[in-house]
Amino acid sequence: MYRNILLAIDVEDEEEAERALREGSRLLAEGGSLHLATVFDPGGASFFPHVAADASEDIEQRARDSLSALAEKHLAFNSGATLHVLAGSPGEKLV
């Protein structure tokens, strides 16, 4: 069993997210920490920051809401999972 587990979750793929959450919960030691991370594409924020800032915040909030809903639906009540929502490329942010 593991004391700390980080699960990368694609909030667009609920079936795969459910499988990851189930397996992560199974491998987590009692009293361990479960971290759920999702990465979203901020769009054209780097090219048009004054235009894209609001859109990026909306995308981030939707990603956070989706991740939270998946955790509530597929994890045991009061699992205490920590949610992380990151902007950018999954390869750069998660590795």
PDB file of N, CA and C in Angstrom:
ATOM      1  N   MET A   1       0.833  -1.177   0.000  1.00  0.00           N
ATOM      2  CA  MET A   1       0.000   0.000   0.000  1.00  0.00           C
ATOM      3  C   MET A   1       0.884   1.248   0.000  1.00  0.00           C
ATOM      4  N   TYR A   2       0.335   2.319  -0.542  1.00  0.00           N
ATOM      5  CA  TYR A   2       1.097   3.554  -0.708  1.00  0.00           C
ATOM      6  C   TYR A   2       0.529   4.667   0.172  1.00  0.00           C
ATOM      7  N   ARG A   3       1.431   5.526   0.659  1.00  0.00           N
ATOM      8  CA  ARG A   3       1.008   6.625   1.534  1.00  0.00           C
ATOM      9  C   ARG A   3       0.605   7.867   0.747  1.00  0.00           C
ATOM     10  N   ASN A   4       1.177   8.062  -0.428  1.00  0.00           N
ATOM     11  CA  ASN A   4       0.857   9.217  -1.271  1.00  0.00           C
ATOM     12  C   ASN A   4       0.654   8.757  -2.703  1.00  0.00           C
ATOM     13  N   ILE A   5      -0.489   9.107  -3.268  1.00  0.00           N
ATOM     14  CA  ILE A   5      -0.788   8.737  -4.655  1.00  0.00           C
ATOM     15  C   ILE A   5      -1.291   9.972  -5.388  1.00  0.00           C
ATOM     16  N   LEU A   6      -0.719  10.201  -6.571  1.00  0.00           N
ATOM     17  CA  LEU A   6      -1.178  11.264  -7.462  1.00  0.00           C
ATOM     18  C   LEU A   6      -1.832  10.603  -8.664  1.00  0.00           C
ATOM     19  N   LEU A   7      -3.104  10.917  -8.887  1.00  0.00           N
ATOM     20  CA  LEU A   7      -3.830  10.392 -10.042  1.00  0.00           C
ATOM     21  C   LEU A   7      -4.073  11.519 -11.029  1.00  0.00           C
ATOM     22  N   ALA A   8      -3.620  11.333 -12.252  1.00  0.00           N
ATOM     23  CA  ALA A   8      -3.913  12.284 -13.324  1.00  0.00           C
ATOM     24  C   ALA A   8      -5.266  11.894 -13.905  1.00  0.00           C
ATOM     25  N   ILE A   9      -6.209  12.808 -13.872  1.00  0.00           N
ATOM     26  CA  ILE A   9      -7.583  12.529 -14.280  1.00  0.00           C
ATOM     27  C   ILE A   9      -7.956  13.380 -15.488  1.00  0.00           C
ATOM     28  N   ASP A  10      -8.450  12.718 -16.531  1.00  0.00           N
ATOM     29  CA  ASP A  10      -9.022  13.420 -17.679  1.00  0.00           C
ATOM     30  C   ASP A  10     -10.511  13.548 -17.396  1.00  0.00           C
ATOM     31  N   VAL A  11     -10.953  14.749 -17.069  1.00  0.00           N
ATOM     32  CA  VAL A  11     -12.355  14.942 -16.685  1.00  0.00           C
ATOM     33  C   VAL A  11     -13.310  14.716 -17.851  1.00  0.00           C
ATOM     34  N   GLU A  12     -12.780  14.616 -19.060  1.00  0.00           N
ATOM     35  CA  GLU A  12     -13.608  14.364 -20.245  1.00  0.00           C
ATOM     36  C   GLU A  12     -13.910  12.874 -20.431  1.00  0.00           C
ATOM     37  N   ASP A  13     -13.205  12.001 -19.702  1.00  0.00           N
ATOM     38  CA  ASP A  13     -13.350  10.553 -19.864  1.00  0.00           C
ATOM     39  C   ASP A  13     -13.742   9.931 -18.521  1.00  0.00           C
ATOM     40  N   GLU A  14     -15.033   9.940 -18.225  1.00  0.00           N
ATOM     41  CA  GLU A  14     -15.492   9.478 -16.916  1.00  0.00           C
ATOM     42  C   GLU A  14     -15.204   7.999 -16.673  1.00  0.00           C
ATOM     43  N   GLU A  15     -15.315   7.181 -17.695  1.00  0.00           N
ATOM     44  CA  GLU A  15     -15.054   5.747 -17.523  1.00  0.00           C
ATOM     45  C   GLU A  15     -13.612   5.506 -17.078  1.00  0.00           C
ATOM     46  N   GLU A  16     -12.673   6.159 -17.732  1.00  0.00           N
ATOM     47  CA  GLU A  16     -11.261   6.007 -17.371  1.00  0.00           C
ATOM     48  C   GLU A  16     -10.991   6.633 -15.998  1.00  0.00           C
ATOM     49  N   ALA A  17     -11.635   7.756 -15.717  1.00  0.00           N
ATOM     50  CA  ALA A  17     -11.477   8.402 -14.411  1.00  0.00           C
ATOM     51  C   ALA A  17     -11.979   7.480 -13.299  1.00  0.00           C
ATOM     52  N   GLU A  18     -13.117   6.851 -13.523  1.00  0.00           N
ATOM     53  CA  GLU A  18     -13.662   5.927 -12.524  1.00  0.00           C
ATOM     54  C   GLU A  18     -12.691   4.779 -12.258  1.00  0.00           C
ATOM     55  N   ARG A  19     -12.117   4.245 -13.320  1.00  0.00           N
ATOM     56  CA  ARG A  19     -11.163   3.144 -13.170  1.00  0.00           C
ATOM     57  C   ARG A  19      -9.933   3.598 -12.371  1.00  0.00           C
ATOM     58  N   ALA A  20      -9.409   4.782 -12.686  1.00  0.00           N
ATOM     59  CA  ALA A  20      -8.239   5.311 -11.980  1.00  0.00           C
ATOM     60  C   ALA A  20      -8.553   5.567 -10.506  1.00  0.00           C
ATOM     61  N   LEU A  21      -9.715   6.143 -10.236  1.00  0.00           N
ATOM     62  CA  LEU A  21     -10.098   6.433  -8.855  1.00  0.00           C
ATOM     63  C   LEU A  21     -10.293   5.155  -8.048  1.00  0.00           C
ATOM     64  N   ARG A  22     -10.898   4.169  -8.653  1.00  0.00           N
ATOM     65  CA  ARG A  22     -11.107   2.890  -7.972  1.00  0.00           C
ATOM     66  C   ARG A  22      -9.763   2.235  -7.638  1.00  0.00           C
ATOM     67  N   GLU A  23      -8.866   2.212  -8.610  1.00  0.00           N
ATOM     68  CA  GLU A  23      -7.564   1.571  -8.404  1.00  0.00           C
ATOM     69  C   GLU A  23      -6.706   2.376  -7.426  1.00  0.00           C
ATOM     70  N   GLY A  24      -6.737   3.689  -7.544  1.00  0.00           N
ATOM     71  CA  GLY A  24      -5.979   4.525  -6.614  1.00  0.00           C
ATOM     72  C   GLY A  24      -6.450   4.346  -5.185  1.00  0.00           C
ATOM     73  N   SER A  25      -7.747   4.280  -4.993  1.00  0.00           N
ATOM     74  CA  SER A  25      -8.308   4.064  -3.654  1.00  0.00           C
ATOM     75  C   SER A  25      -7.898   2.707  -3.103  1.00  0.00           C
ATOM     76  N   ARG A  26      -7.866   1.718  -3.961  1.00  0.00           N
ATOM     77  CA  ARG A  26      -7.490   0.368  -3.536  1.00  0.00           C
ATOM     78  C   ARG A  26      -6.033   0.319  -3.072  1.00  0.00           C
ATOM     79  N   LEU A  27      -5.174   1.074  -3.743  1.00  0.00           N
ATOM     80  CA  LEU A  27      -3.746   1.049  -3.436  1.00  0.00           C
ATOM     81  C   LEU A  27      -3.339   1.976  -2.291  1.00  0.00           C
ATOM     82  N   LEU A  28      -4.236   2.845  -1.883  1.00  0.00           N
ATOM     83  CA  LEU A  28      -3.913   3.837  -0.858  1.00  0.00           C
ATOM     84  C   LEU A  28      -3.941   3.208   0.528  1.00  0.00           C
ATOM     85  N   ALA A  29      -2.869   3.409   1.275  1.00  0.00           N
ATOM     86  CA  ALA A  29      -2.800   2.909   2.642  1.00  0.00           C
ATOM     87  C   ALA A  29      -3.720   3.731   3.537  1.00  0.00           C
ATOM     88  N   GLU A  30      -4.171   3.129   4.619  1.00  0.00           N
ATOM     89  CA  GLU A  30      -5.006   3.855   5.567  1.00  0.00           C
ATOM     90  C   GLU A  30      -4.241   5.071   6.073  1.00  0.00           C
ATOM     91  N   GLY A  31      -4.896   6.215   6.048  1.00  0.00           N
ATOM     92  CA  GLY A  31      -4.250   7.448   6.480  1.00  0.00           C
ATOM     93  C   GLY A  31      -3.393   8.096   5.407  1.00  0.00           C
ATOM     94  N   GLY A  32      -3.353   7.498   4.213  1.00  0.00           N
ATOM     95  CA  GLY A  32      -2.550   8.043   3.119  1.00  0.00           C
ATOM     96  C   GLY A  32      -3.226   9.232   2.459  1.00  0.00           C
ATOM     97  N   SER A  33      -2.482   9.875   1.565  1.00  0.00           N
ATOM     98  CA  SER A  33      -2.980  11.065   0.865  1.00  0.00           C
ATOM     99  C   SER A  33      -3.218  10.759  -0.600  1.00  0.00           C
ATOM    100  N   LEU A  34      -4.405  11.097  -1.058  1.00  0.00           N
ATOM    101  CA  LEU A  34      -4.767  10.923  -2.462  1.00  0.00           C
ATOM    102  C   LEU A  34      -4.882  12.303  -3.100  1.00  0.00           C
ATOM    103  N   HIS A  35      -4.141  12.504  -4.190  1.00  0.00           N
ATOM    104  CA  HIS A  35      -4.155  13.772  -4.917  1.00  0.00           C
ATOM    105  C   HIS A  35      -4.704  13.514  -6.313  1.00  0.00           C
ATOM    106  N   LEU A  36      -5.688  14.305  -6.704  1.00  0.00           N
ATOM    107  CA  LEU A  36      -6.280  14.196  -8.035  1.00  0.00           C
ATOM    108  C   LEU A  36      -5.891  15.437  -8.821  1.00  0.00           C
ATOM    109  N   ALA A  37      -5.312  15.235  -9.999  1.00  0.00           N
ATOM    110  CA  ALA A  37      -4.881  16.365 -10.821  1.00  0.00           C
ATOM    111  C   ALA A  37      -5.497  16.272 -12.205  1.00  0.00           C
ATOM    112  N   THR A  38      -5.918  17.417 -12.705  1.00  0.00           N
ATOM    113  CA  THR A  38      -6.366  17.512 -14.085  1.00  0.00           C
ATOM    114  C   THR A  38      -5.699  18.735 -14.692  1.00  0.00           C
ATOM    115  N   VAL A  39      -5.457  18.669 -15.986  1.00  0.00           N
ATOM    116  CA  VAL A  39      -4.797  19.763 -16.695  1.00  0.00           C
ATOM    117  C   VAL A  39      -5.727  20.238 -17.801  1.00  0.00           C
ATOM    118  N   PHE A  40      -5.891  21.553 -17.897  1.00  0.00           N
ATOM    119  CA  PHE A  40      -6.733  22.103 -18.955  1.00  0.00           C
ATOM    120  C   PHE A  40      -5.903  23.001 -19.855  1.00  0.00           C
ATOM    121  N   ASP A  41      -6.343  23.117 -21.089  1.00  0.00           N
ATOM    122  CA  ASP A  41      -5.689  23.979 -22.072  1.00  0.00           C
ATOM    123  C   ASP A  41      -6.257  25.386 -21.909  1.00  0.00           C
ATOM    124  N   PRO A  42      -5.416  26.364 -21.551  1.00  0.00           N
ATOM    125  CA  PRO A  42      -5.930  27.719 -21.349  1.00  0.00           C
ATOM    126  C   PRO A  42      -6.285  28.435 -22.646  1.00  0.00           C
ATOM    127  N   GLY A  43      -6.131  27.769 -23.769  1.00  0.00           N
ATOM    128  CA  GLY A  43      -6.491  28.369 -25.054  1.00  0.00           C
ATOM    129  C   GLY A  43      -5.464  29.382 -25.506  1.00  0.00           C
ATOM    130  N   GLY A  44      -5.911  30.497 -26.028  1.00  0.00           N
ATOM    131  CA  GLY A  44      -5.012  31.508 -26.568  1.00  0.00           C
ATOM    132  C   GLY A  44      -4.550  32.530 -25.557  1.00  0.00           C
ATOM    133  N   ALA A  45      -4.529  32.181 -24.284  1.00  0.00           N
ATOM    134  CA  ALA A  45      -4.166  33.145 -23.251  1.00  0.00           C
ATOM    135  C   ALA A  45      -2.785  33.752 -23.470  1.00  0.00           C
ATOM    136  N   SER A  46      -1.858  32.992 -24.019  1.00  0.00           N
ATOM    137  CA  SER A  46      -0.518  33.537 -24.210  1.00  0.00           C
ATOM    138  C   SER A  46      -0.473  34.553 -25.345  1.00  0.00           C
ATOM    139  N   PHE A  47      -1.370  34.458 -26.302  1.00  0.00           N
ATOM    140  CA  PHE A  47      -1.380  35.377 -27.434  1.00  0.00           C
ATOM    141  C   PHE A  47      -2.291  36.582 -27.204  1.00  0.00           C
ATOM    142  N   PHE A  48      -3.392  36.368 -26.507  1.00  0.00           N
ATOM    143  CA  PHE A  48      -4.372  37.433 -26.269  1.00  0.00           C
ATOM    144  C   PHE A  48      -4.776  37.446 -24.797  1.00  0.00           C
ATOM    145  N   PRO A  49      -3.855  37.793 -23.901  1.00  0.00           N
ATOM    146  CA  PRO A  49      -4.156  37.678 -22.468  1.00  0.00           C
ATOM    147  C   PRO A  49      -5.334  38.532 -22.014  1.00  0.00           C
ATOM    148  N   HIS A  50      -5.522  39.699 -22.608  1.00  0.00           N
ATOM    149  CA  HIS A  50      -6.619  40.569 -22.192  1.00  0.00           C
ATOM    150  C   HIS A  50      -7.979  40.012 -22.609  1.00  0.00           C
ATOM    151  N   VAL A  51      -8.011  39.228 -23.667  1.00  0.00           N
ATOM    152  CA  VAL A  51      -9.264  38.642 -24.153  1.00  0.00           C
ATOM    153  C   VAL A  51      -9.515  37.285 -23.510  1.00  0.00           C
ATOM    154  N   ALA A  52      -8.453  36.512 -23.354  1.00  0.00           N
ATOM    155  CA  ALA A  52      -8.601  35.119 -22.932  1.00  0.00           C
ATOM    156  C   ALA A  52      -8.638  34.915 -21.422  1.00  0.00           C
ATOM    157  N   ALA A  53      -8.330  35.931 -20.631  1.00  0.00           N
ATOM    158  CA  ALA A  53      -8.264  35.749 -19.180  1.00  0.00           C
ATOM    159  C   ALA A  53      -9.581  35.237 -18.608  1.00  0.00           C
ATOM    160  N   ASP A  54     -10.688  35.861 -18.981  1.00  0.00           N
ATOM    161  CA  ASP A  54     -11.990  35.420 -18.467  1.00  0.00           C
ATOM    162  C   ASP A  54     -12.338  34.023 -18.952  1.00  0.00           C
ATOM    163  N   ALA A  55     -12.057  33.742 -20.211  1.00  0.00           N
ATOM    164  CA  ALA A  55     -12.342  32.416 -20.765  1.00  0.00           C
ATOM    165  C   ALA A  55     -11.518  31.360 -20.050  1.00  0.00           C
ATOM    166  N   SER A  56     -10.250  31.662 -19.775  1.00  0.00           N
ATOM    167  CA  SER A  56      -9.380  30.720 -19.083  1.00  0.00           C
ATOM    168  C   SER A  56      -9.891  30.439 -17.673  1.00  0.00           C
ATOM    169  N   GLU A  57     -10.361  31.476 -16.989  1.00  0.00           N
ATOM    170  CA  GLU A  57     -10.918  31.288 -15.647  1.00  0.00           C
ATOM    171  C   GLU A  57     -12.174  30.421 -15.693  1.00  0.00           C
ATOM    172  N   ASP A  58     -12.997  30.612 -16.715  1.00  0.00           N
ATOM    173  CA  ASP A  58     -14.202  29.789 -16.871  1.00  0.00           C
ATOM    174  C   ASP A  58     -13.835  28.330 -17.118  1.00  0.00           C
ATOM    175  N   ILE A  59     -12.847  28.108 -17.979  1.00  0.00           N
ATOM    176  CA  ILE A  59     -12.405  26.743 -18.277  1.00  0.00           C
ATOM    177  C   ILE A  59     -11.844  26.098 -17.015  1.00  0.00           C
ATOM    178  N   GLU A  60     -11.050  26.853 -16.264  1.00  0.00           N
ATOM    179  CA  GLU A  60     -10.478  26.326 -15.024  1.00  0.00           C
ATOM    180  C   GLU A  60     -11.578  25.955 -14.033  1.00  0.00           C
ATOM    181  N   GLN A  61     -12.579  26.801 -13.890  1.00  0.00           N
ATOM    182  CA  GLN A  61     -13.666  26.518 -12.951  1.00  0.00           C
ATOM    183  C   GLN A  61     -14.464  25.290 -13.387  1.00  0.00           C
ATOM    184  N   ARG A  62     -14.713  25.151 -14.670  1.00  0.00           N
ATOM    185  CA  ARG A  62     -15.422  23.957 -15.165  1.00  0.00           C
ATOM    186  C   ARG A  62     -14.598  22.697 -14.899  1.00  0.00           C
ATOM    187  N   ALA A  63     -13.279  22.780 -15.106  1.00  0.00           N
ATOM    188  CA  ALA A  63     -12.411  21.628 -14.840  1.00  0.00           C
ATOM    189  C   ALA A  63     -12.435  21.280 -13.356  1.00  0.00           C
ATOM    190  N   ARG A  64     -12.375  22.299 -12.498  1.00  0.00           N
ATOM    191  CA  ARG A  64     -12.412  22.070 -11.051  1.00  0.00           C
ATOM    192  C   ARG A  64     -13.750  21.449 -10.630  1.00  0.00           C
ATOM    193  N   ASP A  65     -14.838  21.971 -11.165  1.00  0.00           N
ATOM    194  CA  ASP A  65     -16.164  21.430 -10.848  1.00  0.00           C
ATOM    195  C   ASP A  65     -16.295  19.980 -11.313  1.00  0.00           C
ATOM    196  N   SER A  66     -15.787  19.689 -12.506  1.00  0.00           N
ATOM    197  CA  SER A  66     -15.856  18.321 -13.041  1.00  0.00           C
ATOM    198  C   SER A  66     -15.024  17.364 -12.202  1.00  0.00           C
ATOM    199  N   LEU A  67     -13.823  17.793 -11.808  1.00  0.00           N
ATOM    200  CA  LEU A  67     -12.956  16.947 -10.988  1.00  0.00           C
ATOM    201  C   LEU A  67     -13.598  16.696  -9.626  1.00  0.00           C
ATOM    202  N   SER A  68     -14.168  17.725  -9.049  1.00  0.00           N
ATOM    203  CA  SER A  68     -14.841  17.591  -7.760  1.00  0.00           C
ATOM    204  C   SER A  68     -16.031  16.635  -7.860  1.00  0.00           C
ATOM    205  N   ALA A  69     -16.811  16.758  -8.928  1.00  0.00           N
ATOM    206  CA  ALA A  69     -17.968  15.876  -9.122  1.00  0.00           C
ATOM    207  C   ALA A  69     -17.535  14.421  -9.279  1.00  0.00           C
ATOM    208  N   LEU A  70     -16.457  14.185 -10.024  1.00  0.00           N
ATOM    209  CA  LEU A  70     -15.949  12.817 -10.184  1.00  0.00           C
ATOM    210  C   LEU A  70     -15.498  12.253  -8.841  1.00  0.00           C
ATOM    211  N   ALA A  71     -14.809  13.065  -8.051  1.00  0.00           N
ATOM    212  CA  ALA A  71     -14.345  12.613  -6.738  1.00  0.00           C
ATOM    213  C   ALA A  71     -15.532  12.274  -5.842  1.00  0.00           C
ATOM    214  N   GLU A  72     -16.535  13.129  -5.828  1.00  0.00           N
ATOM    215  CA  GLU A  72     -17.717  12.881  -4.994  1.00  0.00           C
ATOM    216  C   GLU A  72     -18.462  11.625  -5.432  1.00  0.00           C
ATOM    217  N   LYS A  73     -18.516  11.404  -6.728  1.00  0.00           N
ATOM    218  CA  LYS A  73     -19.271  10.273  -7.260  1.00  0.00           C
ATOM    219  C   LYS A  73     -18.552   8.939  -7.062  1.00  0.00           C
ATOM    220  N   HIS A  74     -17.227   8.932  -7.198  1.00  0.00           N
ATOM    221  CA  HIS A  74     -16.508   7.663  -7.255  1.00  0.00           C
ATOM    222  C   HIS A  74     -15.598   7.365  -6.062  1.00  0.00           C
ATOM    223  N   LEU A  75     -15.472   8.298  -5.133  1.00  0.00           N
ATOM    224  CA  LEU A  75     -14.648   8.040  -3.955  1.00  0.00           C
ATOM    225  C   LEU A  75     -15.531   7.916  -2.729  1.00  0.00           C
ATOM    226  N   ALA A  76     -15.030   7.202  -1.744  1.00  0.00           N
ATOM    227  CA  ALA A  76     -15.768   7.047  -0.496  1.00  0.00           C
ATOM    228  C   ALA A  76     -15.990   8.419   0.140  1.00  0.00           C
ATOM    229  N   PHE A  77     -17.103   8.560   0.817  1.00  0.00           N
ATOM    230  CA  PHE A  77     -17.443   9.809   1.495  1.00  0.00           C
ATOM    231  C   PHE A  77     -16.297  10.217   2.418  1.00  0.00           C
ATOM    232  N   ASN A  78     -15.961  11.492   2.417  1.00  0.00           N
ATOM    233  CA  ASN A  78     -14.885  12.038   3.250  1.00  0.00           C
ATOM    234  C   ASN A  78     -13.536  11.397   2.964  1.00  0.00           C
ATOM    235  N   SER A  79     -13.248  11.125   1.704  1.00  0.00           N
ATOM    236  CA  SER A  79     -11.963  10.523   1.358  1.00  0.00           C
ATOM    237  C   SER A  79     -10.814  11.488   1.584  1.00  0.00           C
ATOM    238  N   GLY A  80     -11.106  12.781   1.578  1.00  0.00           N
ATOM    239  CA  GLY A  80     -10.065  13.768   1.825  1.00  0.00           C
ATOM    240  C   GLY A  80      -9.104  13.957   0.672  1.00  0.00           C
ATOM    241  N   ALA A  81      -9.516  13.628  -0.529  1.00  0.00           N
ATOM    242  CA  ALA A  81      -8.643  13.807  -1.688  1.00  0.00           C
ATOM    243  C   ALA A  81      -8.387  15.291  -1.915  1.00  0.00           C
ATOM    244  N   THR A  82      -7.151  15.607  -2.271  1.00  0.00           N
ATOM    245  CA  THR A  82      -6.769  16.975  -2.601  1.00  0.00           C
ATOM    246  C   THR A  82      -6.867  17.144  -4.106  1.00  0.00           C
ATOM    247  N   LEU A  83      -7.539  18.203  -4.544  1.00  0.00           N
ATOM    248  CA  LEU A  83      -7.739  18.448  -5.970  1.00  0.00           C
ATOM    249  C   LEU A  83      -6.733  19.475  -6.473  1.00  0.00           C
ATOM    250  N   HIS A  84      -6.172  19.208  -7.663  1.00  0.00           N
ATOM    251  CA  HIS A  84      -5.221  20.113  -8.298  1.00  0.00           C
ATOM    252  C   HIS A  84      -5.686  20.345  -9.729  1.00  0.00           C
ATOM    253  N   VAL A  85      -5.879  21.604 -10.104  1.00  0.00           N
ATOM    254  CA  VAL A  85      -6.279  21.963 -11.464  1.00  0.00           C
ATOM    255  C   VAL A  85      -5.174  22.850 -12.027  1.00  0.00           C
ATOM    256  N   LEU A  86      -4.550  22.377 -13.105  1.00  0.00           N
ATOM    257  CA  LEU A  86      -3.382  23.049 -13.670  1.00  0.00           C
ATOM    258  C   LEU A  86      -3.644  23.472 -15.104  1.00  0.00           C
ATOM    259  N   ALA A  87      -3.090  24.613 -15.494  1.00  0.00           N
ATOM    260  CA  ALA A  87      -3.223  25.105 -16.866  1.00  0.00           C
ATOM    261  C   ALA A  87      -1.955  24.787 -17.640  1.00  0.00           C
ATOM    262  N   GLY A  88      -2.126  24.267 -18.853  1.00  0.00           N
ATOM    263  CA  GLY A  88      -0.973  23.996 -19.703  1.00  0.00           C
ATOM    264  C   GLY A  88      -1.044  22.640 -20.350  1.00  0.00           C
ATOM    265  N   SER A  89       0.121  22.083 -20.599  1.00  0.00           N
ATOM    266  CA  SER A  89       0.254  20.778 -21.237  1.00  0.00           C
ATOM    267  C   SER A  89       0.387  19.691 -20.171  1.00  0.00           C
ATOM    268  N   PRO A  90      -0.391  18.611 -20.265  1.00  0.00           N
ATOM    269  CA  PRO A  90      -0.268  17.538 -19.276  1.00  0.00           C
ATOM    270  C   PRO A  90       1.160  17.000 -19.169  1.00  0.00           C
ATOM    271  N   GLY A  91       1.837  16.874 -20.304  1.00  0.00           N
ATOM    272  CA  GLY A  91       3.206  16.369 -20.290  1.00  0.00           C
ATOM    273  C   GLY A  91       4.157  17.250 -19.507  1.00  0.00           C
ATOM    274  N   GLU A  92       3.932  18.538 -19.546  1.00  0.00           N
ATOM    275  CA  GLU A  92       4.795  19.470 -18.818  1.00  0.00           C
ATOM    276  C   GLU A  92       4.364  19.633 -17.365  1.00  0.00           C
ATOM    277  N   LYS A  93       3.090  19.631 -17.110  1.00  0.00           N
ATOM    278  CA  LYS A  93       2.587  19.905 -15.765  1.00  0.00           C
ATOM    279  C   LYS A  93       2.613  18.694 -14.839  1.00  0.00           C
ATOM    280  N   LEU A  94       2.470  17.498 -15.391  1.00  0.00           N
ATOM    281  CA  LEU A  94       2.354  16.307 -14.544  1.00  0.00           C
ATOM    282  C   LEU A  94       3.631  15.487 -14.427  1.00  0.00           C
ATOM    283  N   VAL A  95       4.549  15.696 -15.332  1.00  0.00           N
ATOM    284  CA  VAL A  95       5.764  14.863 -15.312  1.00  0.00           C
ATOM    285  C   VAL A  95       6.900  15.615 -14.666  1.00  0.00           C
TER     286      VAL A  95
END
